[in-house]
C-alpha cells in the first residue's frame, strides 16, 4: 500500500508543475506570476497572443504556454529583461491581434506577416515607441489603420499591404520622420492621399497601389527627395500629375497607371534622370507628349497607351538608348513615325 501511495507525486521544479504517472509526463501551462525573465505584463501579452491566434495549431509553437522561460520560445528574443523581437511570420496564426500586445514596451521588431490574422489592428500598437519594423502584411486584417501608429517615432518599416484594410490613410503617418518603407497597397483604402506624407523626408518606397484612393496627387509628394519607387496605380486618382514630381531626382519607377488622371504630362518629368520605368497608361491624359521625356537616358519601359494624347511622337525619343518597351497605342497621335526611333537598338516591343 505504501508503494502505491507514493507511485504518484507532484514535483515543483523552477516554477513548473510536473505530473508523473507511470511513464507519462504532463507539463502545466505557463505561469506568468512565477517566470522571472520578463515583466508579468509582457508574459501575459504573449499568452494572450497565443490564445487569440489558435496557438496550439501554429506550425511552430515550441515553448509557448509550455515553459516558464518565454525568452526561449519560438520567435521570441529578449534583451535587458524585456521582449524585443517577436517573429511569427508564416506560422499559421489565425484569429485577432490582442490589445495587450501594446504592453511589449521594448519591442523593436514585430513580424506577423503571411498568416491568417483577421479583425482590426489594435490602437494599442501605437504604444510601441521603440518599434523599428511593423510587418502585418498578407493577412486578412480589416477596419481602418489606427491613428495611433503615427506615434511610432522610430518606425522605419511599415508593411500593411495585402489585407482588407479600409477607410482613409491617417494624416498621422506623416509624423513618422524615420520611415523609409511605406507599403499600404492591395487593400480597400479610400479617400485622398494625405498631404502629410510629403513630410516623410527619409521615405524611399511609397506603395499605395490597388486601393480605392481618390482625389488628386498631392504636390507635397515632390518633397520626398529620397524616394526611389512611387506606386499609385490602380486607384481612382484624378486631376493632373503634379509638376513637383519632377523634383524626385532619385526616382527609379513612377507608376500612375489605371487611374483617372487628366491634363497634360508635365515637362518636369524629363528631370527624372534616374528613371527606369514610367507607366502613365490607362488614364485620361491629353495634350502633346513632352520632348523632355527624351532626356530620360536610363528609361527602360515607357507606357503611355490608352489616353487622349495628341500631336506627334517626339524626335527626342531617339535618345532613349536603354528603352526596351515603348507603348503609345489608343491615343490620338498624328504625323509620321520619327526616323530617330531607328536608333533604339535595345527596343524589343514597339506598340503604336
C-alpha atoms as a PDB file:
ATOM      1  CA  UNK A   1       0.000   0.000   0.000  1.00  0.00           C
ATOM      2  CA  UNK A   2       2.894   2.300   0.843  1.00  0.00           C
ATOM      3  CA  UNK A   3       4.397   1.863  -2.631  1.00  0.00           C
ATOM      4  CA  UNK A   4       1.046   2.602  -4.273  1.00  0.00           C
ATOM      5  CA  UNK A   5       0.637   5.737  -2.202  1.00  0.00           C
ATOM      6  CA  UNK A   6       3.984   7.034  -3.402  1.00  0.00           C
ATOM      7  CA  UNK A   7       3.688   5.904  -7.046  1.00  0.00           C
ATOM      8  CA  UNK A   8       2.016   9.233  -7.854  1.00  0.00           C
ATOM      9  CA  UNK A   9       3.537  12.502  -6.678  1.00  0.00           C
ATOM     10  CA  UNK A  10       3.763  16.181  -7.590  1.00  0.00           C
ATOM     11  CA  UNK A  11       7.139  17.798  -8.103  1.00  0.00           C
ATOM     12  CA  UNK A  12       7.510  21.594  -8.295  1.00  0.00           C
ATOM     13  CA  UNK A  13      10.712  22.461 -10.162  1.00  0.00           C
ATOM     14  CA  UNK A  14      11.712  26.013 -11.159  1.00  0.00           C
ATOM     15  CA  UNK A  15       8.141  27.208 -11.138  1.00  0.00           C
ATOM     16  CA  UNK A  16       6.909  24.319 -13.361  1.00  0.00           C
ATOM     17  CA  UNK A  17       4.376  21.785 -12.174  1.00  0.00           C
ATOM     18  CA  UNK A  18       5.074  18.301 -13.451  1.00  0.00           C
ATOM     19  CA  UNK A  19       2.696  15.401 -13.039  1.00  0.00           C
ATOM     20  CA  UNK A  20       4.354  11.998 -13.095  1.00  0.00           C
ATOM     21  CA  UNK A  21       2.169   8.913 -13.584  1.00  0.00           C
ATOM     22  CA  UNK A  22       3.741   5.671 -14.731  1.00  0.00           C
ATOM     23  CA  UNK A  23       5.683   6.501 -17.916  1.00  0.00           C
ATOM     24  CA  UNK A  24       3.637   9.616 -18.945  1.00  0.00           C
ATOM     25  CA  UNK A  25       4.804  13.174 -18.236  1.00  0.00           C
ATOM     26  CA  UNK A  26       2.356  16.099 -18.417  1.00  0.00           C
ATOM     27  CA  UNK A  27       3.528  19.704 -18.073  1.00  0.00           C
ATOM     28  CA  UNK A  28       1.242  22.507 -16.913  1.00  0.00           C
ATOM     29  CA  UNK A  29       0.672  25.785 -18.739  1.00  0.00           C
ATOM     30  CA  UNK A  30       2.977  28.760 -18.286  1.00  0.00           C
ATOM     31  CA  UNK A  31       2.547  30.624 -15.011  1.00  0.00           C
ATOM     32  CA  UNK A  32       3.382  34.287 -15.706  1.00  0.00           C
ATOM     33  CA  UNK A  33       3.499  35.026 -11.976  1.00  0.00           C
ATOM     34  CA  UNK A  34       6.391  32.601 -11.473  1.00  0.00           C
ATOM     35  CA  UNK A  35       8.554  33.239 -14.556  1.00  0.00           C
ATOM     36  CA  UNK A  36      11.355  35.745 -13.919  1.00  0.00           C
ATOM     37  CA  UNK A  37      12.712  36.571 -17.387  1.00  0.00           C
ATOM     38  CA  UNK A  38      10.360  39.425 -18.356  1.00  0.00           C
ATOM     39  CA  UNK A  39       7.684  41.567 -16.662  1.00  0.00           C
ATOM     40  CA  UNK A  40       4.451  39.759 -15.888  1.00  0.00           C
ATOM     41  CA  UNK A  41       2.502  42.083 -18.220  1.00  0.00           C
ATOM     42  CA  UNK A  42       4.742  41.120 -21.168  1.00  0.00           C
ATOM     43  CA  UNK A  43       4.404  37.425 -20.418  1.00  0.00           C
ATOM     44  CA  UNK A  44       0.627  37.784 -20.236  1.00  0.00           C
ATOM     45  CA  UNK A  45       0.592  39.646 -23.550  1.00  0.00           C
ATOM     46  CA  UNK A  46       2.403  36.736 -25.192  1.00  0.00           C
ATOM     47  CA  UNK A  47      -0.042  34.239 -23.718  1.00  0.00           C
ATOM     48  CA  UNK A  48      -2.925  36.424 -24.949  1.00  0.00           C
ATOM     49  CA  UNK A  49      -1.437  36.295 -28.454  1.00  0.00           C
ATOM     50  CA  UNK A  50      -1.103  32.523 -28.225  1.00  0.00           C
ATOM     51  CA  UNK A  51      -4.689  32.094 -27.058  1.00  0.00           C
ATOM     52  CA  UNK A  52      -6.265  34.553 -29.518  1.00  0.00           C
ATOM     53  CA  UNK A  53      -4.482  33.191 -32.589  1.00  0.00           C
ATOM     54  CA  UNK A  54      -5.042  29.457 -32.131  1.00  0.00           C
ATOM     55  CA  UNK A  55      -1.588  28.796 -30.707  1.00  0.00           C
ATOM     56  CA  UNK A  56      -1.979  25.013 -30.363  1.00  0.00           C
ATOM     57  CA  UNK A  57      -2.262  24.817 -34.159  1.00  0.00           C
ATOM     58  CA  UNK A  58       0.660  27.063 -35.117  1.00  0.00           C
ATOM     59  CA  UNK A  59       3.250  25.490 -37.358  1.00  0.00           C
ATOM     60  CA  UNK A  60       5.850  26.031 -34.664  1.00  0.00           C
ATOM     61  CA  UNK A  61       4.782  26.795 -31.100  1.00  0.00           C
ATOM     62  CA  UNK A  62       7.810  25.397 -29.321  1.00  0.00           C
ATOM     63  CA  UNK A  63       7.843  26.547 -25.709  1.00  0.00           C
ATOM     64  CA  UNK A  64       4.677  28.645 -25.947  1.00  0.00           C
ATOM     65  CA  UNK A  65       2.399  28.201 -22.924  1.00  0.00           C
ATOM     66  CA  UNK A  66       4.570  25.247 -22.076  1.00  0.00           C
ATOM     67  CA  UNK A  67       7.560  26.560 -20.142  1.00  0.00           C
ATOM     68  CA  UNK A  68       8.276  29.435 -17.795  1.00  0.00           C
ATOM     69  CA  UNK A  69      11.142  30.683 -19.978  1.00  0.00           C
ATOM     70  CA  UNK A  70       9.393  32.929 -22.546  1.00  0.00           C
ATOM     71  CA  UNK A  71      12.674  34.271 -23.915  1.00  0.00           C
ATOM     72  CA  UNK A  72      13.369  30.777 -25.249  1.00  0.00           C
ATOM     73  CA  UNK A  73      10.025  30.374 -27.025  1.00  0.00           C
ATOM     74  CA  UNK A  74       9.995  30.123 -30.791  1.00  0.00           C
ATOM     75  CA  UNK A  75      10.155  33.572 -32.378  1.00  0.00           C
ATOM     76  CA  UNK A  76      10.943  35.484 -29.183  1.00  0.00           C
ATOM     77  CA  UNK A  77      14.142  37.397 -28.469  1.00  0.00           C
ATOM     78  CA  UNK A  78      14.769  39.305 -25.261  1.00  0.00           C
ATOM     79  CA  UNK A  79      17.257  41.869 -24.083  1.00  0.00           C
ATOM     80  CA  UNK A  80      17.631  43.585 -20.734  1.00  0.00           C
ATOM     81  CA  UNK A  81      14.740  41.663 -19.252  1.00  0.00           C
ATOM     82  CA  UNK A  82      12.221  42.628 -21.952  1.00  0.00           C
ATOM     83  CA  UNK A  83      10.848  41.146 -25.174  1.00  0.00           C
ATOM     84  CA  UNK A  84      12.494  42.976 -28.078  1.00  0.00           C
ATOM     85  CA  UNK A  85      11.638  40.822 -31.086  1.00  0.00           C
ATOM     86  CA  UNK A  86       8.510  38.852 -31.978  1.00  0.00           C
ATOM     87  CA  UNK A  87       8.839  36.857 -35.202  1.00  0.00           C
ATOM     88  CA  UNK A  88       5.901  34.580 -36.063  1.00  0.00           C
ATOM     89  CA  UNK A  89       5.537  35.078 -39.798  1.00  0.00           C
ATOM     90  CA  UNK A  90       4.287  32.170 -41.930  1.00  0.00           C
ATOM     91  CA  UNK A  91       3.286  30.291 -38.806  1.00  0.00           C
ATOM     92  CA  UNK A  92      -0.426  29.582 -39.341  1.00  0.00           C
ATOM     93  CA  UNK A  93      -1.688  32.171 -36.876  1.00  0.00           C
ATOM     94  CA  UNK A  94      -5.447  32.708 -37.130  1.00  0.00           C
ATOM     95  CA  UNK A  95      -7.715  34.966 -35.128  1.00  0.00           C
ATOM     96  CA  UNK A  96      -7.163  38.517 -33.919  1.00  0.00           C
ATOM     97  CA  UNK A  97      -4.228  40.515 -32.577  1.00  0.00           C
ATOM     98  CA  UNK A  98      -4.870  41.177 -28.860  1.00  0.00           C
ATOM     99  CA  UNK A  99      -4.817  44.711 -27.443  1.00  0.00           C
ATOM    100  CA  UNK A 100      -2.370  43.603 -24.776  1.00  0.00           C
ATOM    101  CA  UNK A 101       0.383  43.321 -27.395  1.00  0.00           C
ATOM    102  CA  UNK A 102       0.768  47.051 -26.857  1.00  0.00           C
ATOM    103  CA  UNK A 103       2.315  46.201 -23.454  1.00  0.00           C
ATOM    104  CA  UNK A 104       5.522  44.951 -25.088  1.00  0.00           C
ATOM    105  CA  UNK A 105       7.074  48.348 -24.475  1.00  0.00           C
ATOM    106  CA  UNK A 106      10.617  47.474 -25.584  1.00  0.00           C
ATOM    107  CA  UNK A 107       9.621  45.701 -28.798  1.00  0.00           C
ATOM    108  CA  UNK A 108      11.682  46.731 -31.836  1.00  0.00           C
ATOM    109  CA  UNK A 109      10.510  44.182 -34.437  1.00  0.00           C
ATOM    110  CA  UNK A 110       7.003  42.755 -34.841  1.00  0.00           C
ATOM    111  CA  UNK A 111       6.678  40.239 -37.681  1.00  0.00           C
ATOM    112  CA  UNK A 112       3.242  38.632 -38.024  1.00  0.00           C
ATOM    113  CA  UNK A 113       3.019  38.612 -41.815  1.00  0.00           C
ATOM    114  CA  UNK A 114       1.855  35.759 -44.037  1.00  0.00           C
ATOM    115  CA  UNK A 115      -0.684  34.338 -41.625  1.00  0.00           C
ATOM    116  CA  UNK A 116      -4.491  34.297 -41.429  1.00  0.00           C
ATOM    117  CA  UNK A 117      -4.971  37.076 -38.913  1.00  0.00           C
ATOM    118  CA  UNK A 118      -8.330  38.852 -39.002  1.00  0.00           C
ATOM    119  CA  UNK A 119     -10.054  41.664 -37.197  1.00  0.00           C
ATOM    120  CA  UNK A 120      -8.620  45.136 -36.744  1.00  0.00           C
ATOM    121  CA  UNK A 121      -5.146  46.440 -35.972  1.00  0.00           C
ATOM    122  CA  UNK A 122      -5.222  47.415 -32.265  1.00  0.00           C
ATOM    123  CA  UNK A 123      -4.802  51.096 -31.406  1.00  0.00           C
ATOM    124  CA  UNK A 124      -2.534  49.899 -28.607  1.00  0.00           C
ATOM    125  CA  UNK A 125       0.267  49.133 -31.079  1.00  0.00           C
ATOM    126  CA  UNK A 126       0.804  52.879 -31.109  1.00  0.00           C
ATOM    127  CA  UNK A 127       2.311  52.462 -27.618  1.00  0.00           C
ATOM    128  CA  UNK A 128       5.307  50.561 -29.003  1.00  0.00           C
ATOM    129  CA  UNK A 129       7.562  53.608 -29.077  1.00  0.00           C
ATOM    130  CA  UNK A 130      10.728  51.570 -29.725  1.00  0.00           C
ATOM    131  CA  UNK A 131       9.341  49.771 -32.758  1.00  0.00           C
ATOM    132  CA  UNK A 132      11.534  49.854 -35.863  1.00  0.00           C
ATOM    133  CA  UNK A 133       9.594  47.441 -38.042  1.00  0.00           C
ATOM    134  CA  UNK A 134       5.873  46.605 -38.113  1.00  0.00           C
ATOM    135  CA  UNK A 135       5.070  43.865 -40.628  1.00  0.00           C
ATOM    136  CA  UNK A 136       1.462  42.660 -40.741  1.00  0.00           C
ATOM    137  CA  UNK A 137       1.146  42.119 -44.477  1.00  0.00           C
ATOM    138  CA  UNK A 138      -0.580  39.230 -46.255  1.00  0.00           C
ATOM    139  CA  UNK A 139      -3.248  38.578 -43.667  1.00  0.00           C
ATOM    140  CA  UNK A 140      -6.997  39.218 -43.580  1.00  0.00           C
ATOM    141  CA  UNK A 141      -6.941  42.299 -41.390  1.00  0.00           C
ATOM    142  CA  UNK A 142      -9.861  44.696 -41.749  1.00  0.00           C
ATOM    143  CA  UNK A 143     -11.022  48.014 -40.353  1.00  0.00           C
ATOM    144  CA  UNK A 144      -9.052  51.226 -40.542  1.00  0.00           C
ATOM    145  CA  UNK A 145      -5.377  51.961 -39.990  1.00  0.00           C
ATOM    146  CA  UNK A 146      -5.157  53.304 -36.408  1.00  0.00           C
ATOM    147  CA  UNK A 147      -4.201  56.973 -35.998  1.00  0.00           C
ATOM    148  CA  UNK A 148      -2.017  55.849 -33.122  1.00  0.00           C
ATOM    149  CA  UNK A 149       0.549  54.346 -35.488  1.00  0.00           C
ATOM    150  CA  UNK A 150       1.650  57.920 -36.086  1.00  0.00           C
ATOM    151  CA  UNK A 151       3.170  57.805 -32.583  1.00  0.00           C
ATOM    152  CA  UNK A 152       5.797  55.255 -33.624  1.00  0.00           C
ATOM    153  CA  UNK A 153       8.547  57.828 -33.942  1.00  0.00           C
ATOM    154  CA  UNK A 154      11.321  55.263 -34.519  1.00  0.00           C
ATOM    155  CA  UNK A 155       9.498  53.255 -37.181  1.00  0.00           C
ATOM    156  CA  UNK A 156      11.479  52.526 -40.357  1.00  0.00           C
ATOM    157  CA  UNK A 157       9.331  49.815 -41.996  1.00  0.00           C
ATOM    158  CA  UNK A 158       5.521  49.836 -42.116  1.00  0.00           C
ATOM    159  CA  UNK A 159       4.180  46.900 -44.124  1.00  0.00           C
ATOM    160  CA  UNK A 160       0.384  46.570 -44.050  1.00  0.00           C
ATOM    161  CA  UNK A 161      -0.169  45.521 -47.653  1.00  0.00           C
ATOM    162  CA  UNK A 162      -2.367  42.709 -48.998  1.00  0.00           C
ATOM    163  CA  UNK A 163      -5.062  42.853 -46.350  1.00  0.00           C
ATOM    164  CA  UNK A 164      -8.651  44.120 -46.306  1.00  0.00           C
ATOM    165  CA  UNK A 165      -7.997  47.453 -44.635  1.00  0.00           C
ATOM    166  CA  UNK A 166     -10.498  50.210 -45.349  1.00  0.00           C
ATOM    167  CA  UNK A 167     -11.079  53.856 -44.511  1.00  0.00           C
ATOM    168  CA  UNK A 168      -8.669  56.664 -45.193  1.00  0.00           C
ATOM    169  CA  UNK A 169      -4.908  56.820 -44.730  1.00  0.00           C
ATOM    170  CA  UNK A 170      -4.339  58.641 -41.404  1.00  0.00           C
ATOM    171  CA  UNK A 171      -2.706  62.063 -41.555  1.00  0.00           C
ATOM    172  CA  UNK A 172      -0.733  60.983 -38.510  1.00  0.00           C
ATOM    173  CA  UNK A 173       1.504  58.738 -40.635  1.00  0.00           C
ATOM    174  CA  UNK A 174       3.148  61.955 -41.779  1.00  0.00           C
ATOM    175  CA  UNK A 175       4.717  62.139 -38.290  1.00  0.00           C
ATOM    176  CA  UNK A 176       6.872  59.067 -38.905  1.00  0.00           C
ATOM    177  CA  UNK A 177      10.020  61.043 -39.605  1.00  0.00           C
ATOM    178  CA  UNK A 178      12.286  57.973 -39.784  1.00  0.00           C
ATOM    179  CA  UNK A 179      10.072  55.949 -42.098  1.00  0.00           C
ATOM    180  CA  UNK A 180      11.807  54.579 -45.199  1.00  0.00           C
ATOM    181  CA  UNK A 181       9.294  51.966 -46.421  1.00  0.00           C
ATOM    182  CA  UNK A 182       5.515  52.525 -46.528  1.00  0.00           C
ATOM    183  CA  UNK A 183       3.604  49.631 -48.103  1.00  0.00           C
ATOM    184  CA  UNK A 184      -0.184  50.006 -47.978  1.00  0.00           C
ATOM    185  CA  UNK A 185      -1.016  48.563 -51.375  1.00  0.00           C
ATOM    186  CA  UNK A 186      -3.664  45.955 -52.186  1.00  0.00           C
ATOM    187  CA  UNK A 187      -6.228  46.941 -49.601  1.00  0.00           C
ATOM    188  CA  UNK A 188      -9.576  48.758 -49.749  1.00  0.00           C
ATOM    189  CA  UNK A 189      -8.353  52.160 -48.602  1.00  0.00           C
ATOM    190  CA  UNK A 190     -10.322  55.165 -49.805  1.00  0.00           C
ATOM    191  CA  UNK A 191     -10.258  58.935 -49.539  1.00  0.00           C
ATOM    192  CA  UNK A 192      -7.369  61.085 -50.637  1.00  0.00           C
ATOM    193  CA  UNK A 193      -3.617  60.741 -50.222  1.00  0.00           C
ATOM    194  CA  UNK A 194      -2.710  62.895 -47.191  1.00  0.00           C
ATOM    195  CA  UNK A 195      -0.543  65.962 -47.812  1.00  0.00           C
ATOM    196  CA  UNK A 196       1.271  64.993 -44.632  1.00  0.00           C
ATOM    197  CA  UNK A 197       3.058  62.138 -46.405  1.00  0.00           C
ATOM    198  CA  UNK A 198       5.196  64.821 -48.008  1.00  0.00           C
ATOM    199  CA  UNK A 199       6.852  65.217 -44.568  1.00  0.00           C
ATOM    200  CA  UNK A 200       8.464  61.784 -44.741  1.00  0.00           C
ATOM    201  CA  UNK A 201      11.884  63.069 -45.714  1.00  0.00           C
ATOM    202  CA  UNK A 202      13.587  59.654 -45.427  1.00  0.00           C
ATOM    203  CA  UNK A 203      10.974  57.741 -47.413  1.00  0.00           C
ATOM    204  CA  UNK A 204      12.367  55.602 -50.244  1.00  0.00           C
ATOM    205  CA  UNK A 205       9.412  53.328 -51.099  1.00  0.00           C
ATOM    206  CA  UNK A 206       5.791  54.535 -51.274  1.00  0.00           C
ATOM    207  CA  UNK A 207       3.386  51.810 -52.371  1.00  0.00           C
ATOM    208  CA  UNK A 208      -0.290  52.852 -52.314  1.00  0.00           C
ATOM    209  CA  UNK A 209      -1.400  50.944 -55.415  1.00  0.00           C
ATOM    210  CA  UNK A 210      -4.501  48.745 -55.774  1.00  0.00           C
ATOM    211  CA  UNK A 211      -6.781  50.610 -53.402  1.00  0.00           C
ATOM    212  CA  UNK A 212      -9.764  52.912 -53.918  1.00  0.00           C
ATOM    213  CA  UNK A 213      -7.953  56.192 -53.374  1.00  0.00           C
ATOM    214  CA  UNK A 214      -9.474  59.264 -54.987  1.00  0.00           C
ATOM    215  CA  UNK A 215      -8.796  62.963 -55.325  1.00  0.00           C
ATOM    216  CA  UNK A 216      -5.599  64.475 -56.657  1.00  0.00           C
ATOM    217  CA  UNK A 217      -1.962  63.521 -56.134  1.00  0.00           C
ATOM    218  CA  UNK A 218      -0.605  65.967 -53.516  1.00  0.00           C
ATOM    219  CA  UNK A 219       2.066  68.423 -54.629  1.00  0.00           C
ATOM    220  CA  UNK A 220       3.794  67.640 -51.343  1.00  0.00           C
ATOM    221  CA  UNK A 221       4.974  64.269 -52.655  1.00  0.00           C
ATOM    222  CA  UNK A 222       7.524  66.261 -54.627  1.00  0.00           C
ATOM    223  CA  UNK A 223       9.296  66.886 -51.286  1.00  0.00           C
ATOM    224  CA  UNK A 224      10.269  63.221 -50.947  1.00  0.00           C
ATOM    225  CA  UNK A 225      13.788  63.722 -52.201  1.00  0.00           C
ATOM    226  CA  UNK A 226      14.978  60.201 -51.323  1.00  0.00           C
ATOM    227  CA  UNK A 227      12.051  58.419 -52.965  1.00  0.00           C
ATOM    228  CA  UNK A 228      13.037  55.663 -55.400  1.00  0.00           C
ATOM    229  CA  UNK A 229       9.672  53.953 -56.018  1.00  0.00           C
ATOM    230  CA  UNK A 230       6.271  55.663 -56.254  1.00  0.00           C
ATOM    231  CA  UNK A 231       3.426  53.241 -56.953  1.00  0.00           C
ATOM    232  CA  UNK A 232      -0.049  54.820 -57.071  1.00  0.00           C
ATOM    233  CA  UNK A 233      -1.526  52.696 -59.844  1.00  0.00           C
ATOM    234  CA  UNK A 234      -4.947  51.009 -59.859  1.00  0.00           C
ATOM    235  CA  UNK A 235      -6.798  53.652 -57.886  1.00  0.00           C
ATOM    236  CA  UNK A 236      -9.330  56.354 -58.754  1.00  0.00           C
ATOM    237  CA  UNK A 237      -6.998  59.330 -58.624  1.00  0.00           C
ATOM    238  CA  UNK A 238      -7.996  62.327 -60.699  1.00  0.00           C
ATOM    239  CA  UNK A 239      -6.689  65.773 -61.613  1.00  0.00           C
ATOM    240  CA  UNK A 240      -3.292  66.473 -63.111  1.00  0.00           C
ATOM    241  CA  UNK A 241       0.111  64.935 -62.464  1.00  0.00           C
ATOM    242  CA  UNK A 242       1.914  67.457 -60.213  1.00  0.00           C
ATOM    243  CA  UNK A 243       4.892  69.288 -61.723  1.00  0.00           C
ATOM    244  CA  UNK A 244       6.563  68.771 -58.347  1.00  0.00           C
ATOM    245  CA  UNK A 245       7.149  65.082 -59.085  1.00  0.00           C
ATOM    246  CA  UNK A 246       9.935  66.268 -61.370  1.00  0.00           C
ATOM    247  CA  UNK A 247      11.906  67.065 -58.185  1.00  0.00           C
ATOM    248  CA  UNK A 248      12.263  63.377 -57.316  1.00  0.00           C
ATOM    249  CA  UNK A 249      15.763  63.037 -58.694  1.00  0.00           C
ATOM    250  CA  UNK A 250      16.341  59.579 -57.142  1.00  0.00           C
ATOM    251  CA  UNK A 251      13.170  58.067 -58.554  1.00  0.00           C
ATOM    252  CA  UNK A 252      13.631  54.771 -60.403  1.00  0.00           C
ATOM    253  CA  UNK A 253       9.999  53.898 -61.029  1.00  0.00           C
ATOM    254  CA  UNK A 254       6.892  56.092 -61.376  1.00  0.00           C
ATOM    255  CA  UNK A 255       3.698  54.071 -61.799  1.00  0.00           C
ATOM    256  CA  UNK A 256       0.459  56.059 -62.051  1.00  0.00           C
ATOM    257  CA  UNK A 257      -1.442  53.846 -64.483  1.00  0.00           C
ATOM    258  CA  UNK A 258      -5.115  52.845 -64.304  1.00  0.00           C
ATOM    259  CA  UNK A 259      -6.408  55.998 -62.657  1.00  0.00           C
ATOM    260  CA  UNK A 260      -8.475  58.947 -63.907  1.00  0.00           C
ATOM    261  CA  UNK A 261      -5.628  61.415 -64.299  1.00  0.00           C
ATOM    262  CA  UNK A 262      -6.192  64.188 -66.814  1.00  0.00           C
ATOM    263  CA  UNK A 263      -4.470  67.239 -68.306  1.00  0.00           C
ATOM    264  CA  UNK A 264      -1.021  67.061 -69.888  1.00  0.00           C
ATOM    265  CA  UNK A 265       2.138  65.180 -68.947  1.00  0.00           C
ATOM    266  CA  UNK A 266       4.373  67.644 -67.060  1.00  0.00           C
ATOM    267  CA  UNK A 267       7.613  68.711 -68.764  1.00  0.00           C
ATOM    268  CA  UNK A 268       9.263  68.353 -65.378  1.00  0.00           C
ATOM    269  CA  UNK A 269       9.202  64.550 -65.609  1.00  0.00           C
ATOM    270  CA  UNK A 270      12.113  64.942 -68.014  1.00  0.00           C
ATOM    271  CA  UNK A 271      14.236  65.864 -64.969  1.00  0.00           C
ATOM    272  CA  UNK A 272      13.962  62.355 -63.520  1.00  0.00           C
ATOM    273  CA  UNK A 273      17.405  61.386 -64.730  1.00  0.00           C
ATOM    274  CA  UNK A 274      17.496  58.029 -62.916  1.00  0.00           C
ATOM    275  CA  UNK A 275      14.050  56.879 -64.013  1.00  0.00           C
ATOM    276  CA  UNK A 276      13.842  53.359 -65.444  1.00  0.00           C
ATOM    277  CA  UNK A 277      10.075  52.802 -65.551  1.00  0.00           C
ATOM    278  CA  UNK A 278       7.378  55.355 -66.431  1.00  0.00           C
ATOM    279  CA  UNK A 279       3.852  53.938 -66.512  1.00  0.00           C
ATOM    280  CA  UNK A 280       1.136  56.517 -67.258  1.00  0.00           C
ATOM    281  CA  UNK A 281      -1.177  54.327 -69.309  1.00  0.00           C
ATOM    282  CA  UNK A 282      -4.963  53.915 -68.977  1.00  0.00           C
ATOM    283  CA  UNK A 283      -5.739  57.438 -67.796  1.00  0.00           C
ATOM    284  CA  UNK A 284      -7.326  60.476 -69.419  1.00  0.00           C
ATOM    285  CA  UNK A 285      -4.134  62.383 -70.182  1.00  0.00           C
ATOM    286  CA  UNK A 286      -4.305  64.887 -73.033  1.00  0.00           C
ATOM    287  CA  UNK A 287      -2.086  67.358 -74.851  1.00  0.00           C
ATOM    288  CA  UNK A 288       1.187  66.518 -76.545  1.00  0.00           C
ATOM    289  CA  UNK A 289       3.957  64.237 -75.348  1.00  0.00           C
ATOM    290  CA  UNK A 290       6.737  66.428 -73.877  1.00  0.00           C
ATOM    291  CA  UNK A 291      10.055  66.489 -75.736  1.00  0.00           C
ATOM    292  CA  UNK A 292      11.691  66.477 -72.316  1.00  0.00           C
ATOM    293  CA  UNK A 293      10.967  62.762 -71.884  1.00  0.00           C
ATOM    294  CA  UNK A 294      13.723  62.201 -74.437  1.00  0.00           C
ATOM    295  CA  UNK A 295      16.225  63.162 -71.717  1.00  0.00           C
ATOM    296  CA  UNK A 296      15.457  60.049 -69.669  1.00  0.00           C
ATOM    297  CA  UNK A 297      18.557  58.191 -70.799  1.00  0.00           C
ATOM    298  CA  UNK A 298      18.103  55.328 -68.311  1.00  0.00           C
ATOM    299  CA  UNK A 299      14.462  54.691 -69.171  1.00  0.00           C
ATOM    300  CA  UNK A 300      13.721  51.048 -69.937  1.00  0.00           C
ATOM    301  CA  UNK A 301       9.925  50.984 -70.159  1.00  0.00           C
ATOM    302  CA  UNK A 302       7.646  53.818 -71.277  1.00  0.00           C
ATOM    303  CA  UNK A 303       3.906  53.117 -71.340  1.00  0.00           C
ATOM    304  CA  UNK A 304       1.678  55.989 -72.480  1.00  0.00           C
ATOM    305  CA  UNK A 305      -1.059  53.986 -74.163  1.00  0.00           C
ATOM    306  CA  UNK A 306      -4.823  54.326 -73.679  1.00  0.00           C
ATOM    307  CA  UNK A 307      -5.000  58.059 -73.065  1.00  0.00           C
ATOM    308  CA  UNK A 308      -6.105  61.061 -75.140  1.00  0.00           C
ATOM    309  CA  UNK A 309      -2.664  62.284 -76.174  1.00  0.00           C
ATOM    310  CA  UNK A 310      -2.407  64.343 -79.355  1.00  0.00           C
ATOM    311  CA  UNK A 311       0.295  65.590 -81.682  1.00  0.00           C
ATOM    312  CA  UNK A 312       3.354  63.750 -82.912  1.00  0.00           C
ATOM    313  CA  UNK A 313       5.848  61.361 -81.391  1.00  0.00           C
ATOM    314  CA  UNK A 314       8.827  63.477 -80.281  1.00  0.00           C
ATOM    315  CA  UNK A 315      12.066  63.098 -82.251  1.00  0.00           C
ATOM    316  CA  UNK A 316      13.839  63.179 -78.889  1.00  0.00           C
ATOM    317  CA  UNK A 317      12.647  59.635 -78.192  1.00  0.00           C
ATOM    318  CA  UNK A 318      15.504  58.526 -80.401  1.00  0.00           C
ATOM    319  CA  UNK A 319      17.809  59.368 -77.470  1.00  0.00           C
ATOM    320  CA  UNK A 320      16.248  56.721 -75.209  1.00  0.00           C
ATOM    321  CA  UNK A 321      19.015  54.221 -75.871  1.00  0.00           C
ATOM    322  CA  UNK A 322      18.100  51.977 -72.893  1.00  0.00           C
ATOM    323  CA  UNK A 323      14.437  51.627 -73.916  1.00  0.00           C
ATOM    324  CA  UNK A 324      13.152  48.078 -74.402  1.00  0.00           C
ATOM    325  CA  UNK A 325       9.377  48.701 -74.274  1.00  0.00           C
ATOM    326  CA  UNK A 326       7.514  51.631 -75.862  1.00  0.00           C
ATOM    327  CA  UNK A 327       3.708  51.559 -75.925  1.00  0.00           C
ATOM    328  CA  UNK A 328       1.643  54.512 -77.199  1.00  0.00           C
ATOM    329  CA  UNK A 329      -1.386  52.882 -78.835  1.00  0.00           C
ATOM    330  CA  UNK A 330      -5.004  54.003 -78.281  1.00  0.00           C
ATOM    331  CA  UNK A 331      -4.315  57.741 -78.330  1.00  0.00           C
ATOM    332  CA  UNK A 332      -4.963  60.452 -80.897  1.00  0.00           C
ATOM    333  CA  UNK A 333      -1.395  60.835 -82.137  1.00  0.00           C
ATOM    334  CA  UNK A 334      -0.739  62.075 -85.649  1.00  0.00           C
ATOM    335  CA  UNK A 335       2.136  62.722 -88.029  1.00  0.00           C
ATOM    336  CA  UNK A 336       4.879  60.338 -89.111  1.00  0.00           C
ATOM    337  CA  UNK A 337       6.943  57.942 -87.054  1.00  0.00           C
ATOM    338  CA  UNK A 338      10.292  59.685 -86.378  1.00  0.00           C
ATOM    339  CA  UNK A 339      13.311  58.198 -88.121  1.00  0.00           C
ATOM    340  CA  UNK A 340      15.154  58.657 -84.815  1.00  0.00           C
ATOM    341  CA  UNK A 341      13.344  55.623 -83.373  1.00  0.00           C
ATOM    342  CA  UNK A 342      15.675  53.597 -85.562  1.00  0.00           C
ATOM    343  CA  UNK A 343      18.419  54.455 -83.041  1.00  0.00           C
ATOM    344  CA  UNK A 344      16.737  52.436 -80.305  1.00  0.00           C
ATOM    345  CA  UNK A 345      18.937  49.364 -80.547  1.00  0.00           C
ATOM    346  CA  UNK A 346      17.625  47.893 -77.257  1.00  0.00           C
ATOM    347  CA  UNK A 347      13.973  48.098 -78.261  1.00  0.00           C
ATOM    348  CA  UNK A 348      12.063  44.815 -78.024  1.00  0.00           C
ATOM    349  CA  UNK A 349       8.429  45.998 -78.126  1.00  0.00           C
ATOM    350  CA  UNK A 350       7.081  48.961 -80.100  1.00  0.00           C
ATOM    351  CA  UNK A 351       3.310  49.275 -79.988  1.00  0.00           C
ATOM    352  CA  UNK A 352       1.952  52.352 -81.779  1.00  0.00           C
END
